[in-house]
Amino acid sequence: MRLTLSTFALAGAQVLASTAYAQASSDSSAIRAERKAEGIDASHHFMPGEGDPKPDPRAKVTRAERAAARQARKPAGVEAAHTFMPGEGDPRPEPTAKLSRAERSAGRKASRAEVARENKSGELPSFSDNYGGK
């Protein structure tokens, strides 16, 4: 008895669900059609501040005119590429001073001696398990 009743209940629920879905789809298609009509109407009427959806027509530019415009812009572009602008970083960094082999060796020896002195006096941090605990 229970099995028969539950089977009929499931079948009835499916029928109700299918009719509810069919009604919802017809409502949504009407709403979609209404929104589409509003969108078409809005696109035909220009509102200030929205941007013009249909830009003004311009005459086609020939290849020769484009090439002439490029040639006119080229000297300014070359000049801009060669000049240094603050904040951009210098494309040509200052050359470093050339040091002799003896000067480089003396610099390394001094640096190593300083590090050895700091290490012996305990000024360098320990990289053991509790690093940062000092």
N, C-alpha and C. Protein backbone atom coordinates (compact mmCIF):
# COMPACT_ATOMS: atom_id res chain seq x y z
N MET A 1 0.83 -1.20 0.00
CA MET A 1 0.00 0.00 0.00
C MET A 1 0.87 1.25 0.00
N ARG A 2 1.91 1.25 0.89
CA ARG A 2 2.78 2.42 0.97
C ARG A 2 3.57 2.60 -0.32
N LEU A 3 4.04 1.51 -0.89
CA LEU A 3 4.82 1.58 -2.12
C LEU A 3 3.97 2.13 -3.25
N THR A 4 2.73 1.71 -3.36
CA THR A 4 1.84 2.21 -4.41
C THR A 4 1.56 3.69 -4.20
N LEU A 5 1.30 4.08 -2.96
CA LEU A 5 0.99 5.47 -2.66
C LEU A 5 2.20 6.37 -2.96
N SER A 6 3.41 5.93 -2.57
CA SER A 6 4.60 6.75 -2.83
C SER A 6 4.89 6.84 -4.33
N THR A 7 4.63 5.80 -5.09
CA THR A 7 4.83 5.83 -6.54
C THR A 7 3.90 6.84 -7.19
N PHE A 8 2.62 6.84 -6.77
CA PHE A 8 1.67 7.81 -7.32
C PHE A 8 2.05 9.24 -6.90
N ALA A 9 2.56 9.40 -5.69
CA ALA A 9 2.96 10.73 -5.22
C ALA A 9 4.12 11.27 -6.05
N LEU A 10 5.10 10.42 -6.35
CA LEU A 10 6.23 10.85 -7.19
C LEU A 10 5.77 11.21 -8.60
N ALA A 11 4.89 10.41 -9.16
CA ALA A 11 4.40 10.68 -10.50
C ALA A 11 3.61 11.99 -10.52
N GLY A 12 2.81 12.22 -9.51
CA GLY A 12 2.04 13.47 -9.43
C GLY A 12 2.95 14.68 -9.26
N ALA A 13 4.04 14.53 -8.49
CA ALA A 13 4.99 15.63 -8.30
C ALA A 13 5.67 15.98 -9.61
N GLN A 14 5.98 14.98 -10.42
CA GLN A 14 6.62 15.23 -11.71
C GLN A 14 5.68 15.98 -12.65
N VAL A 15 4.42 15.61 -12.63
CA VAL A 15 3.43 16.29 -13.49
C VAL A 15 3.28 17.74 -13.06
N LEU A 16 3.20 17.99 -11.76
CA LEU A 16 3.07 19.37 -11.26
C LEU A 16 4.33 20.18 -11.59
N ALA A 17 5.49 19.57 -11.47
CA ALA A 17 6.73 20.28 -11.75
C ALA A 17 6.83 20.65 -13.22
N SER A 18 6.43 19.75 -14.10
CA SER A 18 6.53 20.03 -15.54
C SER A 18 5.58 21.16 -15.94
N THR A 19 4.37 21.21 -15.36
CA THR A 19 3.45 22.29 -15.70
C THR A 19 3.94 23.62 -15.13
N ALA A 20 4.53 23.60 -13.95
CA ALA A 20 5.06 24.83 -13.37
C ALA A 20 6.23 25.35 -14.20
N TYR A 21 7.08 24.45 -14.69
CA TYR A 21 8.22 24.85 -15.51
C TYR A 21 7.74 25.44 -16.83
N ALA A 22 6.71 24.86 -17.41
CA ALA A 22 6.20 25.37 -18.69
C ALA A 22 5.65 26.78 -18.52
N GLN A 23 4.98 27.06 -17.41
CA GLN A 23 4.45 28.40 -17.17
C GLN A 23 5.59 29.39 -16.94
N ALA A 24 6.62 28.98 -16.21
CA ALA A 24 7.74 29.87 -15.93
C ALA A 24 8.48 30.23 -17.21
N SER A 25 8.66 29.28 -18.13
CA SER A 25 9.39 29.56 -19.36
C SER A 25 8.61 30.53 -20.24
N SER A 26 7.28 30.44 -20.25
CA SER A 26 6.51 31.38 -21.07
C SER A 26 6.60 32.78 -20.48
N ASP A 27 6.63 32.90 -19.15
CA ASP A 27 6.78 34.20 -18.51
C ASP A 27 8.16 34.78 -18.79
N SER A 28 9.18 33.94 -18.69
CA SER A 28 10.54 34.45 -18.89
C SER A 28 10.77 34.86 -20.34
N SER A 29 10.15 34.16 -21.29
CA SER A 29 10.33 34.56 -22.70
C SER A 29 9.65 35.90 -22.96
N ALA A 30 8.52 36.16 -22.31
CA ALA A 30 7.86 37.45 -22.48
C ALA A 30 8.70 38.56 -21.86
N ILE A 31 9.29 38.28 -20.69
CA ILE A 31 10.14 39.28 -20.04
C ILE A 31 11.39 39.53 -20.88
N ARG A 32 11.98 38.47 -21.44
CA ARG A 32 13.16 38.61 -22.27
C ARG A 32 12.86 39.44 -23.51
N ALA A 33 11.71 39.21 -24.13
CA ALA A 33 11.33 39.98 -25.31
C ALA A 33 11.13 41.45 -24.97
N GLU A 34 10.56 41.71 -23.79
CA GLU A 34 10.35 43.09 -23.36
C GLU A 34 11.68 43.80 -23.13
N ARG A 35 12.63 43.10 -22.46
CA ARG A 35 13.95 43.70 -22.21
C ARG A 35 14.70 43.95 -23.51
N LYS A 36 14.56 43.04 -24.46
CA LYS A 36 15.23 43.20 -25.75
C LYS A 36 14.69 44.42 -26.47
N ALA A 37 13.36 44.61 -26.42
CA ALA A 37 12.76 45.79 -27.07
C ALA A 37 13.23 47.08 -26.40
N GLU A 38 13.34 47.06 -25.06
CA GLU A 38 13.84 48.24 -24.35
C GLU A 38 15.29 48.54 -24.73
N GLY A 39 16.10 47.49 -24.87
CA GLY A 39 17.50 47.68 -25.25
C GLY A 39 17.64 48.25 -26.64
N ILE A 40 16.83 47.78 -27.57
CA ILE A 40 16.87 48.31 -28.94
C ILE A 40 16.45 49.77 -28.94
N ASP A 41 15.42 50.09 -28.19
CA ASP A 41 14.96 51.47 -28.11
C ASP A 41 16.03 52.37 -27.49
N ALA A 42 16.70 51.88 -26.44
CA ALA A 42 17.73 52.68 -25.78
C ALA A 42 18.93 52.89 -26.69
N SER A 43 19.25 51.91 -27.54
CA SER A 43 20.41 52.08 -28.42
C SER A 43 20.14 53.07 -29.53
N HIS A 44 18.88 53.33 -29.85
CA HIS A 44 18.56 54.29 -30.92
C HIS A 44 18.51 55.73 -30.42
N HIS A 45 18.43 55.92 -29.12
CA HIS A 45 18.35 57.27 -28.57
C HIS A 45 19.61 57.56 -27.77
N PHE A 46 20.39 58.54 -28.23
CA PHE A 46 21.64 58.90 -27.59
C PHE A 46 21.37 59.67 -26.31
N MET A 47 21.97 59.19 -25.19
CA MET A 47 21.85 59.87 -23.91
C MET A 47 23.22 60.47 -23.57
N PRO A 48 23.28 61.77 -23.25
CA PRO A 48 24.58 62.36 -22.91
C PRO A 48 25.20 61.66 -21.70
N GLY A 49 26.49 61.43 -21.77
CA GLY A 49 27.20 60.77 -20.70
C GLY A 49 27.30 59.26 -20.89
N GLU A 50 26.57 58.69 -21.80
CA GLU A 50 26.63 57.25 -22.05
C GLU A 50 27.63 56.90 -23.13
N GLY A 51 27.99 57.84 -23.94
CA GLY A 51 28.83 57.54 -25.09
C GLY A 51 27.93 57.26 -26.28
N ASP A 52 28.32 57.75 -27.42
CA ASP A 52 27.50 57.58 -28.61
C ASP A 52 27.71 56.18 -29.18
N PRO A 53 26.64 55.36 -29.27
CA PRO A 53 26.83 54.01 -29.80
C PRO A 53 27.13 54.00 -31.29
N LYS A 54 26.77 55.07 -32.00
CA LYS A 54 27.05 55.14 -33.43
C LYS A 54 28.03 56.29 -33.66
N PRO A 55 29.34 56.01 -33.79
CA PRO A 55 30.30 57.10 -33.97
C PRO A 55 30.10 57.78 -35.32
N ASP A 56 30.61 59.00 -35.39
CA ASP A 56 30.51 59.75 -36.64
C ASP A 56 31.31 59.06 -37.73
N PRO A 57 30.79 59.04 -38.95
CA PRO A 57 31.53 58.39 -40.04
C PRO A 57 32.78 59.20 -40.40
N ARG A 58 33.85 58.49 -40.73
CA ARG A 58 35.09 59.15 -41.14
C ARG A 58 35.48 58.63 -42.50
N ALA A 59 36.18 59.47 -43.24
CA ALA A 59 36.64 59.05 -44.56
C ALA A 59 37.77 58.04 -44.40
N LYS A 60 37.88 57.11 -45.33
CA LYS A 60 38.94 56.11 -45.29
C LYS A 60 40.28 56.80 -45.53
N VAL A 61 41.30 56.31 -44.86
CA VAL A 61 42.64 56.87 -45.01
C VAL A 61 43.44 55.95 -45.92
N THR A 62 44.09 56.54 -46.90
CA THR A 62 44.85 55.72 -47.86
C THR A 62 46.17 55.29 -47.24
N ARG A 63 46.81 54.30 -47.89
CA ARG A 63 48.11 53.82 -47.40
C ARG A 63 49.15 54.92 -47.46
N ALA A 64 49.10 55.74 -48.50
CA ALA A 64 50.08 56.81 -48.65
C ALA A 64 49.92 57.84 -47.52
N GLU A 65 48.68 58.15 -47.16
CA GLU A 65 48.45 59.11 -46.08
C GLU A 65 48.94 58.54 -44.74
N ARG A 66 48.72 57.24 -44.52
CA ARG A 66 49.20 56.62 -43.29
C ARG A 66 50.72 56.63 -43.24
N ALA A 67 51.36 56.32 -44.36
CA ALA A 67 52.83 56.32 -44.40
C ALA A 67 53.37 57.73 -44.16
N ALA A 68 52.73 58.75 -44.72
CA ALA A 68 53.18 60.13 -44.51
C ALA A 68 53.02 60.52 -43.04
N ALA A 69 51.95 60.10 -42.41
CA ALA A 69 51.73 60.41 -41.00
C ALA A 69 52.78 59.72 -40.13
N ARG A 70 53.14 58.46 -40.48
CA ARG A 70 54.18 57.76 -39.73
C ARG A 70 55.52 58.47 -39.86
N GLN A 71 55.85 58.91 -41.08
CA GLN A 71 57.12 59.61 -41.28
C GLN A 71 57.15 60.92 -40.51
N ALA A 72 56.00 61.58 -40.40
CA ALA A 72 55.95 62.84 -39.66
C ALA A 72 56.14 62.60 -38.15
N ARG A 73 55.65 61.45 -37.64
CA ARG A 73 55.77 61.16 -36.21
C ARG A 73 57.13 60.57 -35.84
N LYS A 74 57.84 60.00 -36.80
CA LYS A 74 59.06 59.27 -36.51
C LYS A 74 60.14 60.08 -35.81
N PRO A 75 60.49 61.32 -36.25
CA PRO A 75 61.54 62.06 -35.54
C PRO A 75 61.21 62.33 -34.08
N ALA A 76 59.96 62.62 -33.78
CA ALA A 76 59.56 62.87 -32.39
C ALA A 76 59.68 61.59 -31.57
N GLY A 77 59.35 60.46 -32.16
CA GLY A 77 59.45 59.19 -31.46
C GLY A 77 60.89 58.80 -31.19
N VAL A 78 61.77 59.05 -32.16
CA VAL A 78 63.19 58.74 -31.97
C VAL A 78 63.75 59.61 -30.87
N GLU A 79 63.41 60.89 -30.89
CA GLU A 79 63.90 61.81 -29.85
C GLU A 79 63.39 61.39 -28.47
N ALA A 80 62.14 60.98 -28.38
CA ALA A 80 61.57 60.56 -27.10
C ALA A 80 62.25 59.28 -26.60
N ALA A 81 62.62 58.41 -27.52
CA ALA A 81 63.27 57.17 -27.11
C ALA A 81 64.67 57.41 -26.60
N HIS A 82 65.34 58.45 -27.10
CA HIS A 82 66.72 58.71 -26.70
C HIS A 82 66.84 59.59 -25.46
N THR A 83 65.77 60.29 -25.08
CA THR A 83 65.87 61.17 -23.92
C THR A 83 65.45 60.41 -22.67
N PHE A 84 66.09 60.76 -21.55
CA PHE A 84 65.81 60.10 -20.27
C PHE A 84 64.63 60.81 -19.61
N MET A 85 63.63 60.01 -19.20
CA MET A 85 62.48 60.55 -18.47
C MET A 85 62.56 60.06 -17.04
N PRO A 86 62.50 60.96 -16.05
CA PRO A 86 62.56 60.51 -14.66
C PRO A 86 61.41 59.54 -14.35
N GLY A 87 61.74 58.51 -13.63
CA GLY A 87 60.73 57.51 -13.27
C GLY A 87 60.66 56.36 -14.23
N GLU A 88 61.26 56.47 -15.40
CA GLU A 88 61.21 55.38 -16.37
C GLU A 88 62.40 54.45 -16.22
N GLY A 89 63.46 54.93 -15.60
CA GLY A 89 64.68 54.14 -15.53
C GLY A 89 65.54 54.49 -16.73
N ASP A 90 66.82 54.67 -16.51
CA ASP A 90 67.72 55.07 -17.59
C ASP A 90 68.04 53.85 -18.45
N PRO A 91 67.73 53.89 -19.76
CA PRO A 91 68.03 52.72 -20.60
C PRO A 91 69.53 52.51 -20.77
N ARG A 92 70.32 53.57 -20.60
CA ARG A 92 71.78 53.45 -20.70
C ARG A 92 72.38 53.82 -19.34
N PRO A 93 72.63 52.84 -18.47
CA PRO A 93 73.15 53.17 -17.14
C PRO A 93 74.58 53.71 -17.22
N GLU A 94 74.96 54.41 -16.17
CA GLU A 94 76.32 54.97 -16.11
C GLU A 94 77.31 53.81 -16.09
N PRO A 95 78.40 53.92 -16.82
CA PRO A 95 79.39 52.84 -16.79
C PRO A 95 80.09 52.81 -15.43
N THR A 96 80.38 51.62 -14.96
CA THR A 96 81.08 51.48 -13.67
C THR A 96 82.56 51.77 -13.88
N ALA A 97 83.20 52.22 -12.83
CA ALA A 97 84.62 52.54 -12.92
C ALA A 97 85.41 51.25 -13.05
N LYS A 98 86.36 51.24 -13.97
CA LYS A 98 87.21 50.07 -14.17
C LYS A 98 88.27 50.04 -13.09
N LEU A 99 88.36 48.90 -12.40
CA LEU A 99 89.35 48.73 -11.35
C LEU A 99 90.38 47.71 -11.80
N SER A 100 91.58 47.91 -11.34
CA SER A 100 92.63 46.95 -11.69
C SER A 100 92.44 45.69 -10.86
N ARG A 101 93.17 44.65 -11.24
CA ARG A 101 93.07 43.38 -10.54
C ARG A 101 93.51 43.54 -9.08
N ALA A 102 94.54 44.32 -8.84
CA ALA A 102 95.05 44.52 -7.48
C ALA A 102 94.02 45.25 -6.62
N GLU A 103 93.34 46.24 -7.20
CA GLU A 103 92.32 46.99 -6.45
C GLU A 103 91.14 46.08 -6.09
N ARG A 104 90.70 45.25 -7.03
CA ARG A 104 89.60 44.32 -6.74
C ARG A 104 89.99 43.32 -5.66
N SER A 105 91.21 42.81 -5.74
CA SER A 105 91.69 41.85 -4.76
C SER A 105 91.78 42.50 -3.37
N ALA A 106 92.28 43.73 -3.31
CA ALA A 106 92.38 44.43 -2.02
C ALA A 106 90.99 44.68 -1.43
N GLY A 107 90.01 45.01 -2.27
CA GLY A 107 88.64 45.22 -1.80
C GLY A 107 88.04 43.95 -1.23
N ARG A 108 88.28 42.81 -1.91
CA ARG A 108 87.77 41.53 -1.42
C ARG A 108 88.41 41.16 -0.09
N LYS A 109 89.73 41.35 0.02
CA LYS A 109 90.44 41.02 1.26
C LYS A 109 89.92 41.86 2.42
N ALA A 110 89.68 43.14 2.17
CA ALA A 110 89.17 44.01 3.24
C ALA A 110 87.78 43.58 3.67
N SER A 111 86.92 43.24 2.69
CA SER A 111 85.56 42.81 3.00
C SER A 111 85.58 41.50 3.79
N ARG A 112 86.41 40.55 3.38
CA ARG A 112 86.49 39.27 4.09
C ARG A 112 87.05 39.45 5.49
N ALA A 113 88.02 40.34 5.64
CA ALA A 113 88.58 40.59 6.98
C ALA A 113 87.53 41.19 7.90
N GLU A 114 86.72 42.10 7.38
CA GLU A 114 85.64 42.72 8.17
C GLU A 114 84.61 41.67 8.60
N VAL A 115 84.23 40.78 7.69
CA VAL A 115 83.26 39.74 8.01
C VAL A 115 83.85 38.77 9.04
N ALA A 116 85.14 38.42 8.89
CA ALA A 116 85.77 37.52 9.85
C ALA A 116 85.81 38.16 11.24
N ARG A 117 86.11 39.46 11.32
CA ARG A 117 86.14 40.16 12.60
C ARG A 117 84.77 40.15 13.24
N GLU A 118 83.70 40.45 12.46
CA GLU A 118 82.33 40.46 12.99
C GLU A 118 81.91 39.07 13.45
N ASN A 119 82.34 38.04 12.71
CA ASN A 119 81.97 36.67 13.07
C ASN A 119 82.63 36.27 14.39
N LYS A 120 83.91 36.63 14.57
CA LYS A 120 84.62 36.27 15.80
C LYS A 120 84.06 37.02 17.01
N SER A 121 83.62 38.27 16.80
CA SER A 121 83.09 39.03 17.93
C SER A 121 81.61 38.72 18.21
N GLY A 122 80.97 37.90 17.37
CA GLY A 122 79.58 37.51 17.60
C GLY A 122 78.56 38.51 17.08
N GLU A 123 78.97 39.41 16.21
CA GLU A 123 78.04 40.42 15.67
C GLU A 123 77.17 39.86 14.55
N LEU A 124 77.63 38.80 13.88
CA LEU A 124 76.84 38.21 12.80
C LEU A 124 75.76 37.31 13.40
N PRO A 125 74.57 37.28 12.84
CA PRO A 125 73.51 36.43 13.39
C PRO A 125 73.81 34.95 13.15
N SER A 126 73.32 34.12 14.01
CA SER A 126 73.47 32.68 13.88
C SER A 126 72.30 32.15 13.05
N PHE A 127 72.60 31.26 12.12
CA PHE A 127 71.55 30.70 11.28
C PHE A 127 71.14 29.32 11.80
N SER A 128 71.03 29.18 13.11
CA SER A 128 70.64 27.90 13.69
C SER A 128 69.12 27.83 13.78
N ASP A 129 68.61 26.89 14.58
CA ASP A 129 67.17 26.68 14.69
C ASP A 129 66.43 27.88 15.23
N ASN A 130 67.05 28.62 16.14
CA ASN A 130 66.33 29.76 16.73
C ASN A 130 66.77 31.08 16.09
N TYR A 131 66.98 31.07 14.76
CA TYR A 131 67.38 32.30 14.06
C TYR A 131 66.31 33.37 14.25
N GLY A 132 66.71 34.54 14.60
CA GLY A 132 65.78 35.62 14.85
C GLY A 132 65.42 35.73 16.31
N GLY A 133 65.88 34.77 17.13
CA GLY A 133 65.57 34.79 18.55
C GLY A 133 66.51 35.69 19.34
N LYS A 134 67.63 36.10 18.72
CA LYS A 134 68.59 36.95 19.43
C LYS A 134 68.06 38.35 19.61
